[in-house]
Amino acid sequence: MAAAKKKKYEVTQDFTDLQDKNKVYRKGDTYPKPGNKKVAPERLKGLLEGDNKQGRPVIKEV
């Protein structure tokens, strides 16, 4: 049985991750850094859908 493939995300708007020691992400970066870091589904949803301090999506699935 194959393992589930981990989803990958790309930053679409510069932002500072206030939930990860103020790590700065720039447009075009991969999210999260490092790539094997676990991120809560609620956090991903907020960044994907704009439920965050910027009020807009800052990452997209690639």
PDB file of N, CA and C in Angstrom:
ATOM      1  N   MET A   1       0.843  -1.184   0.000  1.00  0.00           N
ATOM      2  CA  MET A   1       0.000   0.000   0.000  1.00  0.00           C
ATOM      3  C   MET A   1       0.880   1.236   0.000  1.00  0.00           C
ATOM      4  N   ALA A   2       0.647   2.163  -0.935  1.00  0.00           N
ATOM      5  CA  ALA A   2       1.471   3.362  -1.057  1.00  0.00           C
ATOM      6  C   ALA A   2       1.075   4.390  -0.005  1.00  0.00           C
ATOM      7  N   ALA A   3       2.063   5.128   0.453  1.00  0.00           N
ATOM      8  CA  ALA A   3       1.799   6.195   1.412  1.00  0.00           C
ATOM      9  C   ALA A   3       1.120   7.359   0.699  1.00  0.00           C
ATOM     10  N   ALA A   4       0.300   8.090   1.435  1.00  0.00           N
ATOM     11  CA  ALA A   4      -0.372   9.252   0.857  1.00  0.00           C
ATOM     12  C   ALA A   4       0.673  10.302   0.497  1.00  0.00           C
ATOM     13  N   LYS A   5       0.509  10.899  -0.672  1.00  0.00           N
ATOM     14  CA  LYS A   5       1.453  11.913  -1.116  1.00  0.00           C
ATOM     15  C   LYS A   5       1.189  13.213  -0.370  1.00  0.00           C
ATOM     16  N   LYS A   6       2.256  13.800   0.151  1.00  0.00           N
ATOM     17  CA  LYS A   6       2.131  15.048   0.895  1.00  0.00           C
ATOM     18  C   LYS A   6       1.863  16.195  -0.068  1.00  0.00           C
ATOM     19  N   LYS A   7       0.919  17.044   0.278  1.00  0.00           N
ATOM     20  CA  LYS A   7       0.590  18.189  -0.557  1.00  0.00           C
ATOM     21  C   LYS A   7       1.705  19.228  -0.464  1.00  0.00           C
ATOM     22  N   LYS A   8       1.889  19.961  -1.563  1.00  0.00           N
ATOM     23  CA  LYS A   8       2.906  21.000  -1.601  1.00  0.00           C
ATOM     24  C   LYS A   8       2.227  22.342  -1.808  1.00  0.00           C
ATOM     25  N   TYR A   9       2.819  23.376  -1.222  1.00  0.00           N
ATOM     26  CA  TYR A   9       2.247  24.713  -1.287  1.00  0.00           C
ATOM     27  C   TYR A   9       3.310  25.724  -1.690  1.00  0.00           C
ATOM     28  N   GLU A  10       2.858  26.760  -2.397  1.00  0.00           N
ATOM     29  CA  GLU A  10       3.732  27.852  -2.818  1.00  0.00           C
ATOM     30  C   GLU A  10       3.164  29.157  -2.274  1.00  0.00           C
ATOM     31  N   VAL A  11       4.046  30.035  -1.836  1.00  0.00           N
ATOM     32  CA  VAL A  11       3.641  31.333  -1.306  1.00  0.00           C
ATOM     33  C   VAL A  11       3.259  32.248  -2.468  1.00  0.00           C
ATOM     34  N   THR A  12       2.081  32.881  -2.364  1.00  0.00           N
ATOM     35  CA  THR A  12       1.600  33.790  -3.409  1.00  0.00           C
ATOM     36  C   THR A  12       1.682  35.254  -2.978  1.00  0.00           C
ATOM     37  N   GLN A  13       1.788  35.496  -1.674  1.00  0.00           N
ATOM     38  CA  GLN A  13       1.923  36.844  -1.121  1.00  0.00           C
ATOM     39  C   GLN A  13       2.939  36.784   0.010  1.00  0.00           C
ATOM     40  N   ASP A  14       3.847  37.769   0.070  1.00  0.00           N
ATOM     41  CA  ASP A  14       4.794  37.825   1.173  1.00  0.00           C
ATOM     42  C   ASP A  14       4.028  37.870   2.497  1.00  0.00           C
ATOM     43  N   PHE A  15       4.502  37.119   3.491  1.00  0.00           N
ATOM     44  CA  PHE A  15       3.907  37.191   4.823  1.00  0.00           C
ATOM     45  C   PHE A  15       4.887  36.714   5.876  1.00  0.00           C
ATOM     46  N   THR A  16       4.623  37.122   7.099  1.00  0.00           N
ATOM     47  CA  THR A  16       5.380  36.672   8.265  1.00  0.00           C
ATOM     48  C   THR A  16       4.490  35.703   9.019  1.00  0.00           C
ATOM     49  N   ASP A  17       4.987  34.481   9.232  1.00  0.00           N
ATOM     50  CA  ASP A  17       4.201  33.459   9.915  1.00  0.00           C
ATOM     51  C   ASP A  17       4.276  33.700  11.422  1.00  0.00           C
ATOM     52  N   LEU A  18       3.238  34.308  11.954  1.00  0.00           N
ATOM     53  CA  LEU A  18       3.205  34.651  13.372  1.00  0.00           C
ATOM     54  C   LEU A  18       3.071  33.426  14.260  1.00  0.00           C
ATOM     55  N   GLN A  19       2.737  32.278  13.680  1.00  0.00           N
ATOM     56  CA  GLN A  19       2.613  31.043  14.458  1.00  0.00           C
ATOM     57  C   GLN A  19       3.869  30.184  14.349  1.00  0.00           C
ATOM     58  N   ASP A  20       4.913  30.706  13.684  1.00  0.00           N
ATOM     59  CA  ASP A  20       6.158  29.944  13.527  1.00  0.00           C
ATOM     60  C   ASP A  20       7.363  30.868  13.713  1.00  0.00           C
ATOM     61  N   LYS A  21       7.460  31.436  14.906  1.00  0.00           N
ATOM     62  CA  LYS A  21       8.615  32.261  15.285  1.00  0.00           C
ATOM     63  C   LYS A  21       8.874  33.401  14.304  1.00  0.00           C
ATOM     64  N   ASN A  22       7.803  33.976  13.757  1.00  0.00           N
ATOM     65  CA  ASN A  22       7.906  35.113  12.836  1.00  0.00           C
ATOM     66  C   ASN A  22       8.752  34.815  11.603  1.00  0.00           C
ATOM     67  N   LYS A  23       8.675  33.588  11.133  1.00  0.00           N
ATOM     68  CA  LYS A  23       9.414  33.194   9.921  1.00  0.00           C
ATOM     69  C   LYS A  23       8.841  33.969   8.736  1.00  0.00           C
ATOM     70  N   VAL A  24       9.735  34.549   7.923  1.00  0.00           N
ATOM     71  CA  VAL A  24       9.320  35.351   6.769  1.00  0.00           C
ATOM     72  C   VAL A  24       9.267  34.472   5.527  1.00  0.00           C
ATOM     73  N   TYR A  25       8.157  34.566   4.811  1.00  0.00           N
ATOM     74  CA  TYR A  25       7.974  33.864   3.543  1.00  0.00           C
ATOM     75  C   TYR A  25       7.805  34.900   2.447  1.00  0.00           C
ATOM     76  N   ARG A  26       8.465  34.670   1.325  1.00  0.00           N
ATOM     77  CA  ARG A  26       8.380  35.562   0.171  1.00  0.00           C
ATOM     78  C   ARG A  26       7.666  34.855  -0.971  1.00  0.00           C
ATOM     79  N   LYS A  27       7.019  35.638  -1.825  1.00  0.00           N
ATOM     80  CA  LYS A  27       6.314  35.093  -2.981  1.00  0.00           C
ATOM     81  C   LYS A  27       7.242  34.149  -3.735  1.00  0.00           C
ATOM     82  N   GLY A  28       6.740  32.946  -4.040  1.00  0.00           N
ATOM     83  CA  GLY A  28       7.524  31.933  -4.747  1.00  0.00           C
ATOM     84  C   GLY A  28       8.176  30.911  -3.839  1.00  0.00           C
ATOM     85  N   ASP A  29       8.274  31.210  -2.535  1.00  0.00           N
ATOM     86  CA  ASP A  29       8.838  30.241  -1.578  1.00  0.00           C
ATOM     87  C   ASP A  29       7.915  29.032  -1.468  1.00  0.00           C
ATOM     88  N   THR A  30       8.459  27.923  -1.014  1.00  0.00           N
ATOM     89  CA  THR A  30       7.621  26.781  -0.665  1.00  0.00           C
ATOM     90  C   THR A  30       7.160  26.954   0.777  1.00  0.00           C
ATOM     91  N   TYR A  31       6.006  26.413   1.091  1.00  0.00           N
ATOM     92  CA  TYR A  31       5.471  26.475   2.448  1.00  0.00           C
ATOM     93  C   TYR A  31       5.105  25.070   2.877  1.00  0.00           C
ATOM     94  N   PRO A  32       5.419  24.668   4.067  1.00  0.00           N
ATOM     95  CA  PRO A  32       6.229  25.339   5.076  1.00  0.00           C
ATOM     96  C   PRO A  32       7.718  25.087   4.862  1.00  0.00           C
ATOM     97  N   LYS A  33       8.514  25.760   5.632  1.00  0.00           N
ATOM     98  CA  LYS A  33       9.955  25.525   5.649  1.00  0.00           C
ATOM     99  C   LYS A  33      10.301  25.013   7.035  1.00  0.00           C
ATOM    100  N   PRO A  34      10.950  23.921   7.186  1.00  0.00           N
ATOM    101  CA  PRO A  34      11.308  22.951   6.143  1.00  0.00           C
ATOM    102  C   PRO A  34      10.068  22.222   5.633  1.00  0.00           C
ATOM    103  N   GLY A  35      10.191  21.621   4.478  1.00  0.00           N
ATOM    104  CA  GLY A  35       9.079  20.981   3.798  1.00  0.00           C
ATOM    105  C   GLY A  35       8.434  19.837   4.552  1.00  0.00           C
ATOM    106  N   ASN A  36       9.157  19.229   5.492  1.00  0.00           N
ATOM    107  CA  ASN A  36       8.592  18.100   6.242  1.00  0.00           C
ATOM    108  C   ASN A  36       7.924  18.548   7.541  1.00  0.00           C
ATOM    109  N   LYS A  37       7.827  19.844   7.754  1.00  0.00           N
ATOM    110  CA  LYS A  37       7.211  20.379   8.967  1.00  0.00           C
ATOM    111  C   LYS A  37       5.710  20.105   8.956  1.00  0.00           C
ATOM    112  N   LYS A  38       5.169  19.728  10.105  1.00  0.00           N
ATOM    113  CA  LYS A  38       3.728  19.466  10.210  1.00  0.00           C
ATOM    114  C   LYS A  38       2.999  20.782  10.490  1.00  0.00           C
ATOM    115  N   VAL A  39       1.928  21.012   9.722  1.00  0.00           N
ATOM    116  CA  VAL A  39       1.120  22.210   9.880  1.00  0.00           C
ATOM    117  C   VAL A  39      -0.328  21.765  10.086  1.00  0.00           C
ATOM    118  N   ALA A  40      -0.981  22.354  11.070  1.00  0.00           N
ATOM    119  CA  ALA A  40      -2.370  21.998  11.366  1.00  0.00           C
ATOM    120  C   ALA A  40      -3.267  22.290  10.167  1.00  0.00           C
ATOM    121  N   PRO A  41      -4.223  21.402   9.902  1.00  0.00           N
ATOM    122  CA  PRO A  41      -5.150  21.624   8.786  1.00  0.00           C
ATOM    123  C   PRO A  41      -5.874  22.973   8.859  1.00  0.00           C
ATOM    124  N   GLU A  42      -6.205  23.428  10.072  1.00  0.00           N
ATOM    125  CA  GLU A  42      -6.872  24.717  10.235  1.00  0.00           C
ATOM    126  C   GLU A  42      -5.967  25.865   9.781  1.00  0.00           C
ATOM    127  N   ARG A  43      -4.680  25.739  10.062  1.00  0.00           N
ATOM    128  CA  ARG A  43      -3.716  26.775   9.672  1.00  0.00           C
ATOM    129  C   ARG A  43      -3.610  26.824   8.150  1.00  0.00           C
ATOM    130  N   LEU A  44      -3.482  25.661   7.523  1.00  0.00           N
ATOM    131  CA  LEU A  44      -3.411  25.617   6.061  1.00  0.00           C
ATOM    132  C   LEU A  44      -4.663  26.242   5.443  1.00  0.00           C
ATOM    133  N   LYS A  45      -5.817  25.903   5.986  1.00  0.00           N
ATOM    134  CA  LYS A  45      -7.080  26.435   5.464  1.00  0.00           C
ATOM    135  C   LYS A  45      -7.082  27.961   5.542  1.00  0.00           C
ATOM    136  N   GLY A  46      -6.649  28.509   6.664  1.00  0.00           N
ATOM    137  CA  GLY A  46      -6.606  29.964   6.831  1.00  0.00           C
ATOM    138  C   GLY A  46      -5.685  30.643   5.836  1.00  0.00           C
ATOM    139  N   LEU A  47      -4.540  30.027   5.588  1.00  0.00           N
ATOM    140  CA  LEU A  47      -3.585  30.604   4.635  1.00  0.00           C
ATOM    141  C   LEU A  47      -4.070  30.444   3.204  1.00  0.00           C
ATOM    142  N   LEU A  48      -4.755  29.341   2.912  1.00  0.00           N
ATOM    143  CA  LEU A  48      -5.272  29.092   1.556  1.00  0.00           C
ATOM    144  C   LEU A  48      -6.497  29.941   1.232  1.00  0.00           C
ATOM    145  N   GLU A  49      -7.341  30.198   2.220  1.00  0.00           N
ATOM    146  CA  GLU A  49      -8.628  30.842   1.971  1.00  0.00           C
ATOM    147  C   GLU A  49      -8.702  32.300   2.399  1.00  0.00           C
ATOM    148  N   GLY A  50      -7.665  32.820   3.042  1.00  0.00           N
ATOM    149  CA  GLY A  50      -7.670  34.226   3.420  1.00  0.00           C
ATOM    150  C   GLY A  50      -8.175  34.513   4.821  1.00  0.00           C
ATOM    151  N   ASP A  51      -8.361  33.474   5.634  1.00  0.00           N
ATOM    152  CA  ASP A  51      -8.768  33.668   7.024  1.00  0.00           C
ATOM    153  C   ASP A  51      -7.510  33.881   7.856  1.00  0.00           C
ATOM    154  N   ASN A  52      -6.889  35.057   7.670  1.00  0.00           N
ATOM    155  CA  ASN A  52      -5.633  35.397   8.326  1.00  0.00           C
ATOM    156  C   ASN A  52      -5.562  36.918   8.467  1.00  0.00           C
ATOM    157  N   LYS A  53      -4.487  37.433   9.044  1.00  0.00           N
ATOM    158  CA  LYS A  53      -4.391  38.882   9.293  1.00  0.00           C
ATOM    159  C   LYS A  53      -4.363  39.710   8.015  1.00  0.00           C
ATOM    160  N   GLN A  54      -3.867  39.144   6.901  1.00  0.00           N
ATOM    161  CA  GLN A  54      -3.874  39.885   5.639  1.00  0.00           C
ATOM    162  C   GLN A  54      -5.257  39.897   4.998  1.00  0.00           C
ATOM    163  N   GLY A  55      -6.102  38.945   5.390  1.00  0.00           N
ATOM    164  CA  GLY A  55      -7.446  38.882   4.839  1.00  0.00           C
ATOM    165  C   GLY A  55      -7.496  38.421   3.392  1.00  0.00           C
ATOM    166  N   ARG A  56      -6.467  37.714   2.956  1.00  0.00           N
ATOM    167  CA  ARG A  56      -6.414  37.181   1.591  1.00  0.00           C
ATOM    168  C   ARG A  56      -5.574  35.917   1.584  1.00  0.00           C
ATOM    169  N   PRO A  57      -5.773  35.071   0.586  1.00  0.00           N
ATOM    170  CA  PRO A  57      -4.949  33.858   0.489  1.00  0.00           C
ATOM    171  C   PRO A  57      -3.471  34.241   0.316  1.00  0.00           C
ATOM    172  N   VAL A  58      -2.585  33.541   1.006  1.00  0.00           N
ATOM    173  CA  VAL A  58      -1.150  33.813   0.888  1.00  0.00           C
ATOM    174  C   VAL A  58      -0.360  32.603   0.381  1.00  0.00           C
ATOM    175  N   ILE A  59      -1.033  31.447   0.265  1.00  0.00           N
ATOM    176  CA  ILE A  59      -0.394  30.265  -0.316  1.00  0.00           C
ATOM    177  C   ILE A  59      -1.382  29.609  -1.272  1.00  0.00           C
ATOM    178  N   LYS A  60      -0.845  28.734  -2.156  1.00  0.00           N
ATOM    179  CA  LYS A  60      -1.678  27.934  -3.056  1.00  0.00           C
ATOM    180  C   LYS A  60      -1.088  26.544  -3.125  1.00  0.00           C
ATOM    181  N   GLU A  61      -1.947  25.582  -3.405  1.00  0.00           N
ATOM    182  CA  GLU A  61      -1.486  24.207  -3.564  1.00  0.00           C
ATOM    183  C   GLU A  61      -0.880  24.058  -4.958  1.00  0.00           C
ATOM    184  N   VAL A  62       0.253  23.370  -5.018  1.00  0.00           N
ATOM    185  CA  VAL A  62       0.909  23.129  -6.327  1.00  0.00           C
ATOM    186  C   VAL A  62       1.040  21.661  -6.591  1.00  0.00           C
TER     187      VAL A  62
END
